[in-house]
Amino acid sequence: MLALLVGCTNNSSSTPETICGTYTSGEAEFQKILAVDQNNQVYYADQKNDCFILGEVRQQKGDSYLISCQSSNYGDRIPDQEFTYDGKGFAITIQGERFEFEKIDDIPSVIGDVARYS
């Protein structure tokens, strides 16, 4: 399995350093991984369901963020939504179910080839 690691930098045009990183929800085969890089890109991987979605995140105000992951291959599996980042993680809705994502690293880890994400 190939994992791409992308470092986060703190500059005004990038995602705030505090949200940049890798997050997980669930365990073992049910684990979902979400990475946010320094260019506001979101990489969502649900390997069990062979689902790899590319999106973006934008800071709205304070600790409020907007995630947008509309995908031609996956429809609105992750609908546009605001969430609150508490410095350790956040919760978002995926296919109508709420998932808590916990930060596991400050460096974004992309599972597999970036070209898989759409």
Protein backbone atom coordinates (compact mmCIF):
# COMPACT_ATOMS: atom_id res chain seq x y z
CA MET A 1 0.00 0.00 0.00
CA LEU A 2 1.39 3.38 -0.99
CA ALA A 3 0.89 6.35 1.31
CA LEU A 4 1.74 9.88 0.27
CA LEU A 5 2.75 12.24 3.06
CA VAL A 6 2.47 15.97 2.50
CA GLY A 7 3.89 18.50 4.96
CA CYS A 8 1.87 21.42 6.24
CA THR A 9 3.15 24.94 6.13
CA ASN A 10 1.70 27.97 7.81
CA ASN A 11 1.04 30.68 5.27
CA SER A 12 -1.96 32.89 4.65
CA SER A 13 -3.17 31.04 1.54
CA SER A 14 -3.14 27.58 3.08
CA THR A 15 -5.41 25.67 5.42
CA PRO A 16 -4.70 26.76 8.99
CA GLU A 17 -1.95 24.61 10.44
CA THR A 18 -4.23 23.48 13.23
CA ILE A 19 -6.59 21.56 10.92
CA CYS A 20 -3.94 20.25 8.52
CA GLY A 21 -3.24 16.58 9.19
CA THR A 22 -4.66 13.06 9.22
CA TYR A 23 -7.86 11.98 10.97
CA THR A 24 -9.47 8.59 11.52
CA SER A 25 -12.93 7.35 12.42
CA GLY A 26 -13.75 3.75 13.27
CA GLU A 27 -11.46 0.78 13.69
CA ALA A 28 -9.99 -2.07 11.66
CA GLU A 29 -11.88 -2.76 8.44
CA PHE A 30 -14.47 -0.06 9.23
CA GLN A 31 -11.86 2.70 9.59
CA LYS A 32 -12.29 5.83 7.51
CA ILE A 33 -9.34 8.16 6.92
CA LEU A 34 -9.57 11.84 6.11
CA ALA A 35 -6.52 14.00 5.39
CA VAL A 36 -6.39 17.78 4.99
CA ASP A 37 -3.33 19.23 3.24
CA GLN A 38 -1.80 22.70 3.13
CA ASN A 39 -3.73 23.54 -0.08
CA ASN A 40 -7.17 23.09 1.51
CA GLN A 41 -7.57 19.69 -0.21
CA VAL A 42 -9.44 16.91 1.59
CA TYR A 43 -8.69 13.25 0.83
CA TYR A 44 -11.30 10.82 2.18
CA ALA A 45 -10.62 7.08 2.07
CA ASP A 46 -13.03 4.29 2.97
CA GLN A 47 -11.02 1.28 1.80
CA LYS A 48 -13.63 -1.33 2.80
CA ASN A 49 -16.09 0.24 0.34
CA ASP A 50 -13.41 1.20 -2.23
CA CYS A 51 -14.43 4.85 -1.87
CA PHE A 52 -11.85 7.62 -2.39
CA ILE A 53 -13.16 11.19 -2.48
CA LEU A 54 -11.35 14.47 -3.13
CA GLY A 55 -12.78 17.68 -1.71
CA GLU A 56 -11.83 20.90 -0.01
CA VAL A 57 -12.18 22.57 3.35
CA ARG A 58 -12.41 26.30 4.06
CA GLN A 59 -12.32 28.11 7.37
CA GLN A 60 -15.54 30.08 7.86
CA LYS A 61 -15.10 31.90 11.15
CA GLY A 62 -13.08 30.97 14.21
CA ASP A 63 -13.23 27.20 14.66
CA SER A 64 -16.00 26.73 12.07
CA TYR A 65 -15.14 25.12 8.72
CA LEU A 66 -16.99 24.17 5.53
CA ILE A 67 -16.24 20.86 3.82
CA SER A 68 -17.23 20.33 0.20
CA CYS A 69 -16.71 16.90 -1.38
CA GLN A 70 -19.05 16.74 -4.37
CA SER A 71 -17.87 13.89 -6.55
CA SER A 72 -18.98 12.71 -9.98
CA ASN A 73 -18.25 9.12 -8.92
CA TYR A 74 -19.72 9.22 -5.43
CA GLY A 75 -22.49 11.83 -5.70
CA ASP A 76 -23.21 13.53 -2.42
CA ARG A 77 -21.88 10.76 -0.15
CA ILE A 78 -20.28 13.58 1.87
CA PRO A 79 -22.67 16.53 1.51
CA ASP A 80 -21.46 20.12 1.83
CA GLN A 81 -21.57 20.92 5.54
CA GLU A 82 -20.13 23.09 8.27
CA PHE A 83 -18.35 21.55 11.22
CA THR A 84 -16.55 22.75 14.32
CA TYR A 85 -12.89 21.81 14.79
CA ASP A 86 -11.89 21.60 18.47
CA GLY A 87 -8.14 21.15 17.90
CA LYS A 88 -8.38 17.37 18.26
CA GLY A 89 -11.03 16.44 15.73
CA PHE A 90 -14.51 17.04 14.34
CA ALA A 91 -17.73 15.27 13.34
CA ILE A 92 -19.21 15.17 9.84
CA THR A 93 -22.12 13.37 8.19
CA ILE A 94 -21.35 10.69 5.60
CA GLN A 95 -24.27 8.98 3.84
CA GLY A 96 -26.65 10.25 6.51
CA GLU A 97 -24.58 8.91 9.42
CA ARG A 98 -22.54 11.04 11.83
CA PHE A 99 -18.84 10.13 12.18
CA GLU A 100 -16.36 11.49 14.73
CA PHE A 101 -12.87 12.00 13.27
CA GLU A 102 -9.90 12.16 15.65
CA LYS A 103 -6.56 13.71 14.66
CA ILE A 104 -3.76 11.15 14.62
CA ASP A 105 -1.01 13.20 12.96
CA ASP A 106 -0.21 16.78 11.95
CA ILE A 107 1.01 15.49 8.58
CA PRO A 108 -1.66 14.59 6.00
CA SER A 109 -1.42 10.95 4.86
CA VAL A 110 -3.07 10.05 1.56
CA ILE A 111 -3.82 6.35 1.14
CA GLY A 112 -2.88 5.02 -2.29
CA ASP A 113 -2.42 6.99 -5.50
CA VAL A 114 -3.78 10.54 -5.43
CA ALA A 115 -5.25 9.89 -8.91
CA ARG A 116 -7.80 7.50 -7.29
CA TYR A 117 -9.51 10.37 -5.53
CA SER A 118 -12.38 12.05 -7.36
